[in-house]
Amino acid sequence: MEPNLLVIIPLLLLTTLVIGIGAGMILGRKAPWIPRKIVAIEASTVSGRGAFALKKIREGDIIERCPALEVTDKDIGGELLNYVFYGKTENARLVAMGNGMLFNHSSTPNVAYYREETSLGPELVLYALQDISKGEELFYSYGDEWWTTRQ
């Protein structure tokens, strides 16, 4: 009796697919939750562009996780100098991706951030210091050191 290839091949493909999906679910890592549609970039009430809340944000909520590239201060110049964060060392700078580099400064900020090391590299995690209303502009403090390096 000859094997029926029209039955064996689809059955083999289906079995392989089921095993692959199962292995992916068991071995796969869960991606970190990243909030969506919380921030819009619009004309700022302070200067240039700014970040605004698209909905109410509660104190402690993560607003955005910004992947960052760590470079040296020699790699940064011109206008980009105004949009980078200090890195781990005196000469290191972080270039944040996403909306993180467009938040304006306030001496009474409603947002703060911390650096988190991930398996893919550093991230800046922006979170609410207080409840923030829909439509409110989001600010963090650039820090005294930032202002002393500017005229």
N, C-alpha and C. Protein backbone atom coordinates (compact mmCIF):
# COMPACT_ATOMS: atom_id res chain seq x y z
N MET A 1 0.83 -1.17 0.00
CA MET A 1 0.00 0.00 0.00
C MET A 1 0.89 1.25 0.00
N GLU A 2 0.64 2.17 -0.90
CA GLU A 2 1.41 3.41 -1.01
C GLU A 2 0.88 4.45 -0.04
N PRO A 3 1.83 5.27 0.56
CA PRO A 3 1.37 6.34 1.45
C PRO A 3 0.64 7.43 0.63
N ASN A 4 -0.41 7.98 1.18
CA ASN A 4 -1.19 9.02 0.53
C ASN A 4 -0.58 10.39 0.86
N LEU A 5 0.18 10.93 -0.09
CA LEU A 5 0.89 12.19 0.13
C LEU A 5 -0.06 13.37 0.30
N LEU A 6 -1.25 13.29 -0.26
CA LEU A 6 -2.22 14.38 -0.12
C LEU A 6 -2.74 14.49 1.31
N VAL A 7 -2.58 13.45 2.09
CA VAL A 7 -3.00 13.47 3.49
C VAL A 7 -1.80 13.71 4.39
N ILE A 8 -0.69 13.06 4.10
CA ILE A 8 0.49 13.12 4.95
C ILE A 8 1.12 14.51 4.97
N ILE A 9 1.28 15.17 3.81
CA ILE A 9 1.95 16.47 3.76
C ILE A 9 1.16 17.54 4.52
N PRO A 10 -0.16 17.73 4.28
CA PRO A 10 -0.89 18.72 5.08
C PRO A 10 -0.89 18.41 6.58
N LEU A 11 -0.97 17.12 6.93
CA LEU A 11 -0.95 16.73 8.34
C LEU A 11 0.40 17.08 8.97
N LEU A 12 1.48 16.85 8.24
CA LEU A 12 2.82 17.18 8.72
C LEU A 12 2.98 18.71 8.88
N LEU A 13 2.48 19.48 7.92
CA LEU A 13 2.55 20.94 8.00
C LEU A 13 1.73 21.47 9.19
N LEU A 14 0.55 20.93 9.39
CA LEU A 14 -0.30 21.35 10.49
C LEU A 14 0.34 21.02 11.83
N THR A 15 0.93 19.84 11.95
CA THR A 15 1.61 19.44 13.18
C THR A 15 2.78 20.37 13.48
N THR A 16 3.56 20.69 12.46
CA THR A 16 4.70 21.59 12.63
C THR A 16 4.24 22.98 13.06
N LEU A 17 3.15 23.46 12.47
CA LEU A 17 2.61 24.77 12.83
C LEU A 17 2.16 24.79 14.28
N VAL A 18 1.45 23.78 14.73
CA VAL A 18 0.97 23.71 16.11
C VAL A 18 2.15 23.65 17.08
N ILE A 19 3.14 22.85 16.77
CA ILE A 19 4.32 22.75 17.64
C ILE A 19 5.06 24.10 17.69
N GLY A 20 5.20 24.78 16.55
CA GLY A 20 5.88 26.07 16.50
C GLY A 20 5.15 27.13 17.31
N ILE A 21 3.84 27.19 17.19
CA ILE A 21 3.06 28.16 17.95
C ILE A 21 3.16 27.88 19.44
N GLY A 22 3.05 26.61 19.81
CA GLY A 22 3.15 26.23 21.23
C GLY A 22 4.52 26.57 21.80
N ALA A 23 5.58 26.26 21.06
CA ALA A 23 6.93 26.56 21.53
C ALA A 23 7.13 28.08 21.66
N GLY A 24 6.59 28.83 20.71
CA GLY A 24 6.70 30.29 20.77
C GLY A 24 6.00 30.86 21.99
N MET A 25 4.84 30.30 22.32
CA MET A 25 4.10 30.78 23.49
C MET A 25 4.82 30.44 24.79
N ILE A 26 5.44 29.28 24.84
CA ILE A 26 6.14 28.84 26.05
C ILE A 26 7.48 29.56 26.20
N LEU A 27 8.24 29.63 25.12
CA LEU A 27 9.59 30.17 25.18
C LEU A 27 9.67 31.67 24.93
N GLY A 28 8.67 32.23 24.28
CA GLY A 28 8.69 33.65 23.92
C GLY A 28 8.64 34.53 25.16
N ARG A 29 9.24 35.69 25.06
CA ARG A 29 9.19 36.62 26.17
C ARG A 29 8.08 37.62 25.93
N LYS A 30 7.49 38.04 26.97
CA LYS A 30 6.41 39.01 26.88
C LYS A 30 7.01 40.41 26.75
N ALA A 31 6.55 41.15 25.75
CA ALA A 31 7.03 42.52 25.56
C ALA A 31 6.48 43.40 26.68
N PRO A 32 7.28 44.37 27.15
CA PRO A 32 6.77 45.27 28.20
C PRO A 32 5.60 46.09 27.68
N TRP A 33 4.67 46.37 28.58
CA TRP A 33 3.50 47.16 28.19
C TRP A 33 3.94 48.59 27.95
N ILE A 34 3.55 49.11 26.81
CA ILE A 34 3.87 50.49 26.48
C ILE A 34 2.55 51.22 26.26
N PRO A 35 2.32 52.28 27.01
CA PRO A 35 1.08 53.02 26.83
C PRO A 35 0.97 53.61 25.43
N ARG A 36 -0.22 53.66 24.89
CA ARG A 36 -0.45 54.21 23.56
C ARG A 36 -1.41 55.39 23.63
N LYS A 37 -1.20 56.32 22.73
CA LYS A 37 -2.11 57.46 22.56
C LYS A 37 -2.37 58.22 23.85
N ILE A 38 -1.31 58.47 24.60
CA ILE A 38 -1.43 59.26 25.83
C ILE A 38 -0.94 60.68 25.58
N VAL A 39 -0.02 60.85 24.64
CA VAL A 39 0.63 62.13 24.42
C VAL A 39 0.46 62.58 22.97
N ALA A 40 0.20 63.87 22.79
CA ALA A 40 0.19 64.49 21.47
C ALA A 40 1.22 65.61 21.48
N ILE A 41 1.89 65.80 20.37
CA ILE A 41 2.84 66.90 20.23
C ILE A 41 2.15 68.02 19.46
N GLU A 42 2.10 69.19 20.09
CA GLU A 42 1.43 70.36 19.50
C GLU A 42 2.24 71.61 19.82
N ALA A 43 1.76 72.75 19.36
CA ALA A 43 2.41 74.02 19.68
C ALA A 43 2.34 74.22 21.20
N SER A 44 3.49 74.54 21.79
CA SER A 44 3.59 74.69 23.24
C SER A 44 3.11 76.06 23.71
N THR A 45 2.68 76.09 24.94
CA THR A 45 2.34 77.36 25.58
C THR A 45 3.60 78.07 26.05
N VAL A 46 4.74 77.37 26.02
CA VAL A 46 6.00 77.91 26.53
C VAL A 46 6.96 78.26 25.40
N SER A 47 7.24 77.25 24.55
CA SER A 47 8.21 77.47 23.49
C SER A 47 8.14 76.33 22.48
N GLY A 48 8.06 76.67 21.22
CA GLY A 48 8.11 75.66 20.17
C GLY A 48 7.05 74.59 20.31
N ARG A 49 7.51 73.33 20.26
CA ARG A 49 6.62 72.19 20.43
C ARG A 49 6.54 71.80 21.90
N GLY A 50 5.47 71.11 22.24
CA GLY A 50 5.32 70.59 23.59
C GLY A 50 4.49 69.32 23.57
N ALA A 51 4.52 68.61 24.67
CA ALA A 51 3.77 67.36 24.82
C ALA A 51 2.52 67.65 25.66
N PHE A 52 1.39 67.14 25.21
CA PHE A 52 0.11 67.37 25.87
C PHE A 52 -0.59 66.04 26.13
N ALA A 53 -1.27 65.96 27.26
CA ALA A 53 -2.01 64.75 27.63
C ALA A 53 -3.26 64.61 26.78
N LEU A 54 -3.43 63.46 26.16
CA LEU A 54 -4.63 63.18 25.37
C LEU A 54 -5.78 62.67 26.23
N LYS A 55 -5.43 62.27 27.44
CA LYS A 55 -6.45 61.81 28.38
C LYS A 55 -5.92 62.04 29.79
N LYS A 56 -6.78 61.87 30.77
CA LYS A 56 -6.35 62.05 32.16
C LYS A 56 -5.27 61.01 32.48
N ILE A 57 -4.24 61.48 33.16
CA ILE A 57 -3.14 60.62 33.58
C ILE A 57 -3.07 60.68 35.09
N ARG A 58 -2.99 59.54 35.73
CA ARG A 58 -2.95 59.49 37.19
C ARG A 58 -1.51 59.54 37.70
N GLU A 59 -1.35 60.09 38.88
CA GLU A 59 -0.05 60.15 39.53
C GLU A 59 0.58 58.75 39.55
N GLY A 60 1.84 58.67 39.13
CA GLY A 60 2.56 57.40 39.11
C GLY A 60 2.44 56.63 37.81
N ASP A 61 1.48 56.98 36.95
CA ASP A 61 1.33 56.28 35.67
C ASP A 61 2.54 56.50 34.79
N ILE A 62 2.96 55.46 34.08
CA ILE A 62 4.01 55.60 33.08
C ILE A 62 3.39 56.24 31.85
N ILE A 63 3.99 57.32 31.40
CA ILE A 63 3.49 58.06 30.25
C ILE A 63 4.12 57.53 28.98
N GLU A 64 5.41 57.27 29.03
CA GLU A 64 6.10 56.78 27.85
C GLU A 64 7.42 56.12 28.26
N ARG A 65 7.79 55.09 27.51
CA ARG A 65 9.10 54.46 27.63
C ARG A 65 9.85 54.83 26.35
N CYS A 66 10.95 55.55 26.50
CA CYS A 66 11.70 56.05 25.35
C CYS A 66 13.01 55.29 25.20
N PRO A 67 13.14 54.45 24.18
CA PRO A 67 14.43 53.84 23.92
C PRO A 67 15.46 54.95 23.71
N ALA A 68 16.67 54.74 24.15
CA ALA A 68 17.69 55.79 24.05
C ALA A 68 19.00 55.22 23.54
N LEU A 69 19.73 56.05 22.83
CA LEU A 69 21.08 55.72 22.39
C LEU A 69 22.05 56.49 23.25
N GLU A 70 23.05 55.80 23.81
CA GLU A 70 24.06 56.49 24.60
C GLU A 70 25.25 56.79 23.71
N VAL A 71 25.61 58.06 23.63
CA VAL A 71 26.73 58.52 22.81
C VAL A 71 27.60 59.41 23.68
N THR A 72 28.70 59.90 23.11
CA THR A 72 29.56 60.81 23.88
C THR A 72 29.13 62.25 23.61
N ASP A 73 29.55 63.14 24.47
CA ASP A 73 29.22 64.55 24.27
C ASP A 73 29.83 65.11 23.00
N LYS A 74 30.90 64.49 22.49
CA LYS A 74 31.52 64.93 21.24
C LYS A 74 30.66 64.58 20.03
N ASP A 75 29.76 63.60 20.17
CA ASP A 75 28.86 63.22 19.08
C ASP A 75 27.68 64.18 18.93
N ILE A 76 27.47 65.04 19.92
CA ILE A 76 26.31 65.92 19.95
C ILE A 76 26.74 67.36 19.73
N GLY A 77 26.02 68.05 18.90
CA GLY A 77 26.34 69.45 18.66
C GLY A 77 25.14 70.18 18.11
N GLY A 78 25.29 71.47 17.93
CA GLY A 78 24.23 72.28 17.36
C GLY A 78 22.95 72.22 18.17
N GLU A 79 21.82 72.28 17.49
CA GLU A 79 20.51 72.30 18.14
C GLU A 79 20.22 71.00 18.90
N LEU A 80 20.79 69.88 18.46
CA LEU A 80 20.55 68.60 19.13
C LEU A 80 21.00 68.63 20.59
N LEU A 81 21.96 69.47 20.89
CA LEU A 81 22.45 69.61 22.27
C LEU A 81 21.31 69.94 23.24
N ASN A 82 20.29 70.63 22.76
CA ASN A 82 19.16 71.02 23.61
C ASN A 82 18.14 69.90 23.82
N TYR A 83 18.35 68.75 23.19
CA TYR A 83 17.36 67.69 23.23
C TYR A 83 17.89 66.36 23.76
N VAL A 84 19.05 66.36 24.37
CA VAL A 84 19.62 65.12 24.88
C VAL A 84 19.64 65.14 26.41
N PHE A 85 19.81 63.98 26.99
CA PHE A 85 19.84 63.80 28.44
C PHE A 85 21.26 63.40 28.85
N TYR A 86 21.59 63.63 30.11
CA TYR A 86 22.89 63.22 30.61
C TYR A 86 22.91 61.70 30.76
N GLY A 87 24.06 61.10 30.42
CA GLY A 87 24.21 59.66 30.51
C GLY A 87 24.83 59.22 31.82
N LYS A 88 25.37 58.01 31.81
CA LYS A 88 25.94 57.41 33.03
C LYS A 88 27.21 58.11 33.51
N THR A 89 27.97 58.65 32.56
CA THR A 89 29.23 59.30 32.92
C THR A 89 29.17 60.78 32.55
N GLU A 90 30.18 61.52 32.95
CA GLU A 90 30.21 62.97 32.71
C GLU A 90 30.16 63.30 31.22
N ASN A 91 30.76 62.46 30.39
CA ASN A 91 30.83 62.73 28.95
C ASN A 91 29.78 61.98 28.14
N ALA A 92 28.92 61.22 28.79
CA ALA A 92 27.91 60.44 28.07
C ALA A 92 26.61 61.24 27.94
N ARG A 93 25.94 61.06 26.80
CA ARG A 93 24.65 61.70 26.55
C ARG A 93 23.68 60.64 26.03
N LEU A 94 22.41 60.82 26.36
CA LEU A 94 21.36 59.92 25.88
C LEU A 94 20.50 60.66 24.86
N VAL A 95 20.35 60.05 23.71
CA VAL A 95 19.44 60.57 22.69
C VAL A 95 18.17 59.74 22.82
N ALA A 96 17.10 60.37 23.31
CA ALA A 96 15.84 59.66 23.53
C ALA A 96 15.02 59.62 22.25
N MET A 97 14.42 58.47 22.00
CA MET A 97 13.52 58.33 20.86
C MET A 97 12.10 58.65 21.33
N GLY A 98 11.20 58.82 20.41
CA GLY A 98 9.81 59.06 20.79
C GLY A 98 9.59 60.50 21.20
N ASN A 99 8.54 60.70 22.00
CA ASN A 99 8.16 62.05 22.40
C ASN A 99 8.98 62.59 23.57
N GLY A 100 9.78 61.76 24.20
CA GLY A 100 10.50 62.15 25.41
C GLY A 100 11.37 63.37 25.28
N MET A 101 11.93 63.61 24.11
CA MET A 101 12.81 64.77 23.97
C MET A 101 12.04 66.06 23.67
N LEU A 102 10.72 65.98 23.59
CA LEU A 102 9.93 67.18 23.26
C LEU A 102 9.16 67.75 24.45
N PHE A 103 9.37 67.20 25.64
CA PHE A 103 8.73 67.75 26.84
C PHE A 103 9.49 69.00 27.23
N ASN A 104 8.80 70.07 27.54
CA ASN A 104 9.44 71.32 27.93
C ASN A 104 9.76 71.32 29.43
N HIS A 105 10.55 72.32 29.82
CA HIS A 105 10.99 72.47 31.22
C HIS A 105 9.99 73.27 32.04
N SER A 106 9.90 72.89 33.32
CA SER A 106 9.22 73.71 34.31
C SER A 106 9.93 73.50 35.64
N SER A 107 10.01 74.55 36.44
CA SER A 107 10.57 74.40 37.78
C SER A 107 9.56 73.75 38.71
N THR A 108 8.31 73.61 38.27
CA THR A 108 7.28 72.85 39.00
C THR A 108 6.73 71.79 38.04
N PRO A 109 7.53 70.75 37.79
CA PRO A 109 7.15 69.75 36.78
C PRO A 109 5.98 68.87 37.23
N ASN A 110 5.26 68.34 36.24
CA ASN A 110 4.22 67.35 36.51
C ASN A 110 4.64 65.95 36.05
N VAL A 111 5.86 65.86 35.49
CA VAL A 111 6.41 64.61 34.98
C VAL A 111 7.86 64.49 35.45
N ALA A 112 8.30 63.28 35.69
CA ALA A 112 9.71 62.99 35.98
C ALA A 112 10.11 61.78 35.14
N TYR A 113 11.38 61.45 35.18
CA TYR A 113 11.84 60.29 34.42
C TYR A 113 12.97 59.61 35.18
N TYR A 114 13.17 58.35 34.84
CA TYR A 114 14.33 57.63 35.34
C TYR A 114 14.88 56.78 34.20
N ARG A 115 16.13 56.43 34.32
CA ARG A 115 16.80 55.60 33.33
C ARG A 115 16.63 54.15 33.74
N GLU A 116 16.31 53.31 32.79
CA GLU A 116 16.20 51.87 33.05
C GLU A 116 17.02 51.12 32.01
N GLU A 117 17.85 50.21 32.49
CA GLU A 117 18.62 49.38 31.58
C GLU A 117 17.76 48.18 31.17
N THR A 118 17.64 47.94 29.87
CA THR A 118 16.87 46.80 29.38
C THR A 118 17.81 45.92 28.56
N SER A 119 17.32 44.77 28.15
CA SER A 119 18.15 43.88 27.34
C SER A 119 18.48 44.49 25.98
N LEU A 120 17.71 45.51 25.57
CA LEU A 120 17.96 46.17 24.29
C LEU A 120 18.72 47.49 24.44
N GLY A 121 19.05 47.86 25.66
CA GLY A 121 19.77 49.10 25.90
C GLY A 121 19.00 50.01 26.84
N PRO A 122 19.52 51.22 27.07
CA PRO A 122 18.87 52.12 28.02
C PRO A 122 17.53 52.65 27.52
N GLU A 123 16.64 52.91 28.47
CA GLU A 123 15.36 53.56 28.18
C GLU A 123 15.14 54.64 29.23
N LEU A 124 14.51 55.72 28.81
CA LEU A 124 14.05 56.73 29.75
C LEU A 124 12.57 56.46 29.97
N VAL A 125 12.20 56.30 31.22
CA VAL A 125 10.81 56.02 31.56
C VAL A 125 10.21 57.29 32.15
N LEU A 126 9.24 57.87 31.46
CA LEU A 126 8.58 59.10 31.91
C LEU A 126 7.32 58.73 32.66
N TYR A 127 7.13 59.33 33.84
CA TYR A 127 5.96 59.01 34.65
C TYR A 127 5.39 60.28 35.28
N ALA A 128 4.12 60.22 35.66
CA ALA A 128 3.41 61.39 36.20
C ALA A 128 3.74 61.58 37.67
N LEU A 129 4.11 62.81 38.03
CA LEU A 129 4.36 63.16 39.43
C LEU A 129 3.07 63.49 40.18
N GLN A 130 2.02 63.75 39.42
CA GLN A 130 0.73 64.14 39.99
C GLN A 130 -0.35 63.79 38.97
N ASP A 131 -1.60 63.91 39.34
CA ASP A 131 -2.68 63.73 38.37
C ASP A 131 -2.57 64.84 37.33
N ILE A 132 -2.76 64.47 36.07
CA ILE A 132 -2.65 65.40 34.96
C ILE A 132 -3.96 65.35 34.17
N SER A 133 -4.52 66.50 33.90
CA SER A 133 -5.79 66.59 33.18
C SER A 133 -5.60 66.45 31.67
N LYS A 134 -6.64 65.98 31.00
CA LYS A 134 -6.63 65.92 29.55
C LYS A 134 -6.39 67.32 29.00
N GLY A 135 -5.47 67.45 28.04
CA GLY A 135 -5.16 68.73 27.43
C GLY A 135 -4.04 69.50 28.10
N GLU A 136 -3.63 69.08 29.29
CA GLU A 136 -2.58 69.77 30.04
C GLU A 136 -1.22 69.50 29.41
N GLU A 137 -0.36 70.55 29.37
CA GLU A 137 0.99 70.35 28.85
C GLU A 137 1.82 69.61 29.89
N LEU A 138 2.70 68.74 29.41
CA LEU A 138 3.54 67.92 30.26
C LEU A 138 4.94 68.53 30.34
N PHE A 139 5.43 68.67 31.57
CA PHE A 139 6.74 69.28 31.81
C PHE A 139 7.56 68.43 32.76
N TYR A 140 8.86 68.38 32.53
CA TYR A 140 9.77 67.89 33.56
C TYR A 140 10.85 68.94 33.76
N SER A 141 11.60 68.79 34.83
CA SER A 141 12.67 69.74 35.13
C SER A 141 13.93 69.31 34.40
N TYR A 142 14.56 70.23 33.71
CA TYR A 142 15.82 69.94 33.03
C TYR A 142 16.98 69.89 34.02
N GLY A 143 16.79 70.45 35.22
CA GLY A 143 17.84 70.45 36.23
C GLY A 143 18.73 71.68 36.15
N ASP A 144 19.33 72.00 37.28
CA ASP A 144 20.19 73.19 37.36
C ASP A 144 21.40 73.09 36.43
N GLU A 145 21.98 71.90 36.33
CA GLU A 145 23.18 71.73 35.51
C GLU A 145 22.89 72.07 34.05
N TRP A 146 21.72 71.70 33.56
CA TRP A 146 21.35 71.99 32.17
C TRP A 146 21.37 73.50 31.93
N TRP A 147 20.79 74.25 32.87
CA TRP A 147 20.69 75.70 32.69
C TRP A 147 22.03 76.39 32.82
N THR A 148 22.93 75.86 33.66
CA THR A 148 24.24 76.50 33.81
C THR A 148 25.12 76.32 32.58
N THR A 149 24.78 75.37 31.72
CA THR A 149 25.57 75.16 30.49
C THR A 149 25.00 75.93 29.31
N ARG A 150 23.93 76.70 29.54
CA ARG A 150 23.29 77.50 28.49
C ARG A 150 23.42 78.97 28.85
N GLN A 151 23.36 79.82 27.85
CA GLN A 151 23.44 81.26 28.11
C GLN A 151 22.07 81.82 28.39
